Amino acid sequence: IVSALKTHYNNPFDEAKGVKVDVVGPTVGKQLQ
């Protein structure tokens, strides 16, 4: 997604400062449920 936005979308953002990411795997998600 980050690469696609940089390549095909002409609206700059700073990946280091302007991108916040939450990644949760399926096993962890089920445990939290």
All heavy atoms as atom14 arrays in JSON, in Angstrom:
{
  "sequence": "IVSALKTHYNNPFDEAKGVKVDVVGPTVGKQLQ",
  "atom14_mask": [
    [1, 1, 1, 1, 1, 1, 1, 1, 0, 0, 0, 0, 0, 0],
    [1, 1, 1, 1, 1, 1, 1, 0, 0, 0, 0, 0, 0, 0],
    [1, 1, 1, 1, 1, 1, 0, 0, 0, 0, 0, 0, 0, 0],
    [1, 1, 1, 1, 1, 0, 0, 0, 0, 0, 0, 0, 0, 0],
    [1, 1, 1, 1, 1, 1, 1, 1, 0, 0, 0, 0, 0, 0],
    [1, 1, 1, 1, 1, 1, 1, 1, 1, 0, 0, 0, 0, 0],
    [1, 1, 1, 1, 1, 1, 1, 0, 0, 0, 0, 0, 0, 0],
    [1, 1, 1, 1, 1, 1, 1, 1, 1, 1, 0, 0, 0, 0],
    [1, 1, 1, 1, 1, 1, 1, 1, 1, 1, 1, 1, 0, 0],
    [1, 1, 1, 1, 1, 1, 1, 1, 0, 0, 0, 0, 0, 0],
    [1, 1, 1, 1, 1, 1, 1, 1, 0, 0, 0, 0, 0, 0],
    [1, 1, 1, 1, 1, 1, 1, 0, 0, 0, 0, 0, 0, 0],
    [1, 1, 1, 1, 1, 1, 1, 1, 1, 1, 1, 0, 0, 0],
    [1, 1, 1, 1, 1, 1, 1, 1, 0, 0, 0, 0, 0, 0],
    [1, 1, 1, 1, 1, 1, 1, 1, 1, 0, 0, 0, 0, 0],
    [1, 1, 1, 1, 1, 0, 0, 0, 0, 0, 0, 0, 0, 0],
    [1, 1, 1, 1, 1, 1, 1, 1, 1, 0, 0, 0, 0, 0],
    [1, 1, 1, 1, 0, 0, 0, 0, 0, 0, 0, 0, 0, 0],
    [1, 1, 1, 1, 1, 1, 1, 0, 0, 0, 0, 0, 0, 0],
    [1, 1, 1, 1, 1, 1, 1, 1, 1, 0, 0, 0, 0, 0],
    [1, 1, 1, 1, 1, 1, 1, 0, 0, 0, 0, 0, 0, 0],
    [1, 1, 1, 1, 1, 1, 1, 1, 0, 0, 0, 0, 0, 0],
    [1, 1, 1, 1, 1, 1, 1, 0, 0, 0, 0, 0, 0, 0],
    [1, 1, 1, 1, 1, 1, 1, 0, 0, 0, 0, 0, 0, 0],
    [1, 1, 1, 1, 0, 0, 0, 0, 0, 0, 0, 0, 0, 0],
    [1, 1, 1, 1, 1, 1, 1, 0, 0, 0, 0, 0, 0, 0],
    [1, 1, 1, 1, 1, 1, 1, 0, 0, 0, 0, 0, 0, 0],
    [1, 1, 1, 1, 1, 1, 1, 0, 0, 0, 0, 0, 0, 0],
    [1, 1, 1, 1, 0, 0, 0, 0, 0, 0, 0, 0, 0, 0],
    [1, 1, 1, 1, 1, 1, 1, 1, 1, 0, 0, 0, 0, 0],
    [1, 1, 1, 1, 1, 1, 1, 1, 1, 0, 0, 0, 0, 0],
    [1, 1, 1, 1, 1, 1, 1, 1, 0, 0, 0, 0, 0, 0],
    [1, 1, 1, 1, 1, 1, 1, 1, 1, 0, 0, 0, 0, 0]
  ],
  "atom14_positions": [
    [[0.83, -1.21, 0.0], [0.0, 0.0, 0.0], [0.86, 1.25, 0.0], [0.62, 2.2, -0.77], [-0.94, -0.01, 1.22], [-2.04, -1.05, 1.03], [-1.57, 1.36, 1.43], [-2.95, -1.21, 2.21], [0.0, 0.0, 0.0], [0.0, 0.0, 0.0], [0.0, 0.0, 0.0], [0.0, 0.0, 0.0], [0.0, 0.0, 0.0], [0.0, 0.0, 0.0]],
    [[1.87, 1.3, 0.84], [2.74, 2.47, 0.91], [3.44, 2.7, -0.43], [3.51, 3.83, -0.94], [3.78, 2.3, 2.05], [4.84, 3.41, 1.98], [3.09, 2.32, 3.4], [0.0, 0.0, 0.0], [0.0, 0.0, 0.0], [0.0, 0.0, 0.0], [0.0, 0.0, 0.0], [0.0, 0.0, 0.0], [0.0, 0.0, 0.0], [0.0, 0.0, 0.0]],
    [[3.94, 1.63, -1.03], [4.62, 1.76, -2.33], [3.66, 2.22, -3.42], [4.0, 3.06, -4.26], [5.24, 0.41, -2.72], [6.2, 0.0, -1.78], [0.0, 0.0, 0.0], [0.0, 0.0, 0.0], [0.0, 0.0, 0.0], [0.0, 0.0, 0.0], [0.0, 0.0, 0.0], [0.0, 0.0, 0.0], [0.0, 0.0, 0.0], [0.0, 0.0, 0.0]],
    [[2.42, 1.68, -3.4], [1.43, 2.05, -4.41], [1.06, 3.52, -4.31], [0.92, 4.22, -5.33], [0.19, 1.18, -4.27], [0.0, 0.0, 0.0], [0.0, 0.0, 0.0], [0.0, 0.0, 0.0], [0.0, 0.0, 0.0], [0.0, 0.0, 0.0], [0.0, 0.0, 0.0], [0.0, 0.0, 0.0], [0.0, 0.0, 0.0], [0.0, 0.0, 0.0]],
    [[0.9, 4.02, -3.1], [0.54, 5.43, -2.92], [1.68, 6.34, -3.36], [1.44, 7.4, -3.95], [0.19, 5.69, -1.45], [-1.1, 5.05, -0.94], [-1.29, 5.32, 0.54], [-2.31, 5.58, -1.72], [0.0, 0.0, 0.0], [0.0, 0.0, 0.0], [0.0, 0.0, 0.0], [0.0, 0.0, 0.0], [0.0, 0.0, 0.0], [0.0, 0.0, 0.0]],
    [[2.9, 5.95, -3.1], [4.04, 6.76, -3.53], [4.19, 6.78, -5.05], [4.6, 7.78, -5.63], [5.32, 6.23, -2.88], [5.45, 6.53, -1.4], [6.78, 6.03, -0.87], [6.96, 6.42, 0.6], [8.26, 5.96, 1.14], [0.0, 0.0, 0.0], [0.0, 0.0, 0.0], [0.0, 0.0, 0.0], [0.0, 0.0, 0.0], [0.0, 0.0, 0.0]],
    [[3.82, 5.65, -5.68], [4.02, 5.53, -7.13], [2.87, 6.11, -7.93], [3.08, 6.83, -8.92], [4.2, 4.05, -7.51], [5.29, 3.5, -6.76], [4.46, 3.9, -9.0], [0.0, 0.0, 0.0], [0.0, 0.0, 0.0], [0.0, 0.0, 0.0], [0.0, 0.0, 0.0], [0.0, 0.0, 0.0], [0.0, 0.0, 0.0], [0.0, 0.0, 0.0]],
    [[1.62, 5.85, -7.5], [0.45, 6.16, -8.33], [-0.39, 7.33, -7.81], [-1.35, 7.73, -8.48], [-0.46, 4.93, -8.45], [0.23, 3.75, -9.06], [0.48, 3.63, -10.4], [0.73, 2.62, -8.48], [1.1, 2.47, -10.65], [1.26, 1.84, -9.5], [0.0, 0.0, 0.0], [0.0, 0.0, 0.0], [0.0, 0.0, 0.0], [0.0, 0.0, 0.0]],
    [[-0.07, 7.87, -6.65], [-0.92, 8.92, -6.08], [-0.06, 10.12, -5.78], [0.85, 10.07, -4.97], [-1.61, 8.4, -4.81], [-2.57, 9.4, -4.19], [-3.58, 10.0, -4.94], [-2.45, 9.75, -2.85], [-4.45, 10.9, -4.36], [-3.33, 10.65, -2.26], [-4.32, 11.23, -3.03], [-5.17, 12.13, -2.46], [0.0, 0.0, 0.0], [0.0, 0.0, 0.0]],
    [[-0.37, 11.22, -6.44], [0.45, 12.43, -6.34], [0.01, 13.29, -5.16], [-0.6, 14.36, -5.32], [0.35, 13.22, -7.65], [1.33, 14.39, -7.66], [2.35, 14.38, -6.95], [1.02, 15.41, -8.46], [0.0, 0.0, 0.0], [0.0, 0.0, 0.0], [0.0, 0.0, 0.0], [0.0, 0.0, 0.0], [0.0, 0.0, 0.0], [0.0, 0.0, 0.0]],
    [[0.25, 12.79, -3.95], [-0.05, 13.54, -2.72], [0.96, 13.07, -1.68], [0.78, 12.01, -1.08], [-1.48, 13.28, -2.26], [-1.92, 14.26, -1.17], [-1.11, 14.98, -0.58], [-3.21, 14.28, -0.89], [0.0, 0.0, 0.0], [0.0, 0.0, 0.0], [0.0, 0.0, 0.0], [0.0, 0.0, 0.0], [0.0, 0.0, 0.0], [0.0, 0.0, 0.0]],
    [[2.02, 13.82, -1.48], [3.14, 13.31, -0.66], [2.78, 13.12, 0.81], [1.89, 13.76, 1.35], [4.2, 14.4, -0.83], [3.42, 15.64, -1.13], [2.23, 15.19, -1.94], [0.0, 0.0, 0.0], [0.0, 0.0, 0.0], [0.0, 0.0, 0.0], [0.0, 0.0, 0.0], [0.0, 0.0, 0.0], [0.0, 0.0, 0.0], [0.0, 0.0, 0.0]],
    [[3.5, 12.18, 1.44], [3.41, 11.97, 2.88], [4.77, 11.45, 3.34], [5.52, 10.84, 2.58], [2.3, 10.99, 3.25], [2.45, 9.62, 2.64], [3.16, 8.62, 3.3], [1.91, 9.33, 1.39], [3.3, 7.36, 2.75], [2.05, 8.07, 0.84], [2.75, 7.08, 1.52], [0.0, 0.0, 0.0], [0.0, 0.0, 0.0], [0.0, 0.0, 0.0]],
    [[5.06, 11.7, 4.59], [6.31, 11.25, 5.19], [6.07, 9.9, 5.84], [5.34, 9.81, 6.84], [6.79, 12.28, 6.22], [8.19, 11.95, 6.75], [8.61, 10.78, 6.65], [8.85, 12.86, 7.28], [0.0, 0.0, 0.0], [0.0, 0.0, 0.0], [0.0, 0.0, 0.0], [0.0, 0.0, 0.0], [0.0, 0.0, 0.0], [0.0, 0.0, 0.0]],
    [[6.65, 8.84, 5.29], [6.4, 7.5, 5.82], [6.84, 7.37, 7.27], [6.22, 6.66, 8.06], [7.12, 6.45, 4.98], [6.8, 5.02, 5.39], [7.44, 4.0, 4.48], [8.02, 4.4, 3.44], [7.35, 2.8, 4.8], [0.0, 0.0, 0.0], [0.0, 0.0, 0.0], [0.0, 0.0, 0.0], [0.0, 0.0, 0.0], [0.0, 0.0, 0.0]],
    [[7.9, 8.08, 7.64], [8.4, 7.98, 9.01], [7.51, 8.72, 10.0], [7.32, 8.28, 11.13], [9.82, 8.54, 9.09], [0.0, 0.0, 0.0], [0.0, 0.0, 0.0], [0.0, 0.0, 0.0], [0.0, 0.0, 0.0], [0.0, 0.0, 0.0], [0.0, 0.0, 0.0], [0.0, 0.0, 0.0], [0.0, 0.0, 0.0], [0.0, 0.0, 0.0]],
    [[6.91, 9.84, 9.57], [6.12, 10.66, 10.48], [4.62, 10.6, 10.2], [3.82, 10.82, 11.1], [6.59, 12.12, 10.4], [8.03, 12.33, 10.82], [8.41, 13.8, 10.73], [9.87, 14.03, 11.16], [10.25, 15.45, 11.05], [0.0, 0.0, 0.0], [0.0, 0.0, 0.0], [0.0, 0.0, 0.0], [0.0, 0.0, 0.0], [0.0, 0.0, 0.0]],
    [[4.26, 10.31, 8.95], [2.85, 10.4, 8.57], [2.12, 9.09, 8.43], [0.99, 9.06, 7.95], [0.0, 0.0, 0.0], [0.0, 0.0, 0.0], [0.0, 0.0, 0.0], [0.0, 0.0, 0.0], [0.0, 0.0, 0.0], [0.0, 0.0, 0.0], [0.0, 0.0, 0.0], [0.0, 0.0, 0.0], [0.0, 0.0, 0.0], [0.0, 0.0, 0.0]],
    [[2.75, 7.98, 8.82], [2.11, 6.67, 8.7], [2.15, 5.96, 10.04], [3.23, 5.71, 10.59], [2.8, 5.8, 7.62], [2.1, 4.44, 7.54], [2.79, 6.49, 6.28], [0.0, 0.0, 0.0], [0.0, 0.0, 0.0], [0.0, 0.0, 0.0], [0.0, 0.0, 0.0], [0.0, 0.0, 0.0], [0.0, 0.0, 0.0], [0.0, 0.0, 0.0]],
    [[0.96, 5.64, 10.56], [0.85, 4.84, 11.78], [0.24, 3.5, 11.4], [-0.76, 3.46, 10.68], [-0.02, 5.54, 12.82], [0.52, 6.89, 13.27], [-0.42, 7.56, 14.27], [0.11, 8.93, 14.68], [-0.81, 9.62, 15.62], [0.0, 0.0, 0.0], [0.0, 0.0, 0.0], [0.0, 0.0, 0.0], [0.0, 0.0, 0.0], [0.0, 0.0, 0.0]],
    [[0.81, 2.43, 11.9], [0.41, 1.08, 11.47], [0.05, 0.23, 12.68], [0.78, 0.21, 13.67], [1.54, 0.4, 10.67], [1.07, -0.97, 10.17], [1.98, 1.28, 9.5], [0.0, 0.0, 0.0], [0.0, 0.0, 0.0], [0.0, 0.0, 0.0], [0.0, 0.0, 0.0], [0.0, 0.0, 0.0], [0.0, 0.0, 0.0], [0.0, 0.0, 0.0]],
    [[-1.09, -0.47, 12.57], [-1.47, -1.5, 13.52], [-1.53, -2.82, 12.77], [-2.28, -2.95, 11.79], [-2.85, -1.22, 14.16], [-2.77, -0.18, 15.25], [-1.72, -0.09, 15.9], [-3.77, 0.53, 15.44], [0.0, 0.0, 0.0], [0.0, 0.0, 0.0], [0.0, 0.0, 0.0], [0.0, 0.0, 0.0], [0.0, 0.0, 0.0], [0.0, 0.0, 0.0]],
    [[-0.75, -3.79, 13.21], [-0.74, -5.11, 12.59], [-1.05, -6.14, 13.66], [-0.34, -6.25, 14.65], [0.62, -5.43, 11.94], [0.6, -6.82, 11.33], [0.96, -4.39, 10.88], [0.0, 0.0, 0.0], [0.0, 0.0, 0.0], [0.0, 0.0, 0.0], [0.0, 0.0, 0.0], [0.0, 0.0, 0.0], [0.0, 0.0, 0.0], [0.0, 0.0, 0.0]],
    [[-2.14, -6.89, 13.47], [-2.55, -7.92, 14.43], [-2.78, -9.21, 13.66], [-3.59, -9.25, 12.72], [-3.82, -7.53, 15.2], [-4.23, -8.64, 16.15], [-3.6, -6.23, 15.96], [0.0, 0.0, 0.0], [0.0, 0.0, 0.0], [0.0, 0.0, 0.0], [0.0, 0.0, 0.0], [0.0, 0.0, 0.0], [0.0, 0.0, 0.0], [0.0, 0.0, 0.0]],
    [[-2.08, -10.27, 14.04], [-2.25, -11.56, 13.4], [-3.55, -12.24, 13.8], [-4.15, -11.9, 14.82], [0.0, 0.0, 0.0], [0.0, 0.0, 0.0], [0.0, 0.0, 0.0], [0.0, 0.0, 0.0], [0.0, 0.0, 0.0], [0.0, 0.0, 0.0], [0.0, 0.0, 0.0], [0.0, 0.0, 0.0], [0.0, 0.0, 0.0], [0.0, 0.0, 0.0]],
    [[-4.01, -13.2, 13.01], [-5.29, -13.87, 13.3], [-5.29, -14.62, 14.63], [-6.3, -14.66, 15.32], [-5.46, -14.83, 12.11], [-4.08, -14.99, 11.53], [-3.38, -13.7, 11.77], [0.0, 0.0, 0.0], [0.0, 0.0, 0.0], [0.0, 0.0, 0.0], [0.0, 0.0, 0.0], [0.0, 0.0, 0.0], [0.0, 0.0, 0.0], [0.0, 0.0, 0.0]],
    [[-4.16, -15.21, 15.01], [-4.1, -15.94, 16.27], [-4.24, -15.0, 17.46], [-5.01, -15.26, 18.4], [-2.77, -16.71, 16.38], [-2.66, -17.6, 15.27], [-2.73, -17.52, 17.67], [0.0, 0.0, 0.0], [0.0, 0.0, 0.0], [0.0, 0.0, 0.0], [0.0, 0.0, 0.0], [0.0, 0.0, 0.0], [0.0, 0.0, 0.0], [0.0, 0.0, 0.0]],
    [[-3.52, -13.89, 17.41], [-3.6, -12.91, 18.49], [-5.0, -12.31, 18.57], [-5.56, -12.12, 19.65], [-2.55, -11.8, 18.28], [-2.72, -10.7, 19.33], [-1.15, -12.37, 18.34], [0.0, 0.0, 0.0], [0.0, 0.0, 0.0], [0.0, 0.0, 0.0], [0.0, 0.0, 0.0], [0.0, 0.0, 0.0], [0.0, 0.0, 0.0], [0.0, 0.0, 0.0]],
    [[-5.6, -12.02, 17.41], [-6.94, -11.46, 17.39], [-7.95, -12.38, 18.04], [-8.83, -11.95, 18.81], [0.0, 0.0, 0.0], [0.0, 0.0, 0.0], [0.0, 0.0, 0.0], [0.0, 0.0, 0.0], [0.0, 0.0, 0.0], [0.0, 0.0, 0.0], [0.0, 0.0, 0.0], [0.0, 0.0, 0.0], [0.0, 0.0, 0.0], [0.0, 0.0, 0.0]],
    [[-7.85, -13.7, 17.77], [-8.77, -14.67, 18.36], [-8.56, -14.76, 19.87], [-9.53, -14.85, 20.64], [-8.54, -16.04, 17.73], [-9.6, -17.08, 18.11], [-10.96, -16.68, 17.59], [-12.0, -17.74, 17.89], [-13.35, -17.36, 17.43], [0.0, 0.0, 0.0], [0.0, 0.0, 0.0], [0.0, 0.0, 0.0], [0.0, 0.0, 0.0], [0.0, 0.0, 0.0]],
    [[-7.32, -14.71, 20.31], [-7.04, -14.74, 21.74], [-7.63, -13.52, 22.44], [-8.2, -13.63, 23.54], [-5.53, -14.8, 21.97], [-4.9, -16.13, 21.59], [-3.39, -16.11, 21.73], [-2.78, -15.05, 21.91], [-2.77, -17.28, 21.65], [0.0, 0.0, 0.0], [0.0, 0.0, 0.0], [0.0, 0.0, 0.0], [0.0, 0.0, 0.0], [0.0, 0.0, 0.0]],
    [[-7.52, -12.37, 21.81], [-8.08, -11.15, 22.4], [-9.6, -11.22, 22.48], [-10.2, -10.74, 23.44], [-7.64, -9.92, 21.59], [-6.16, -9.54, 21.69], [-5.83, -8.41, 20.73], [-5.81, -9.13, 23.12], [0.0, 0.0, 0.0], [0.0, 0.0, 0.0], [0.0, 0.0, 0.0], [0.0, 0.0, 0.0], [0.0, 0.0, 0.0], [0.0, 0.0, 0.0]],
    [[-10.24, -11.82, 21.47], [-11.7, -12.01, 21.53], [-12.09, -12.84, 22.74], [-13.0, -12.46, 23.5], [-12.18, -12.72, 20.26], [-12.23, -11.88, 19.01], [-12.86, -12.65, 17.87], [-13.93, -13.24, 18.01], [-12.2, -12.66, 16.72], [0.0, 0.0, 0.0], [0.0, 0.0, 0.0], [0.0, 0.0, 0.0], [0.0, 0.0, 0.0], [0.0, 0.0, 0.0]]
  ]
}
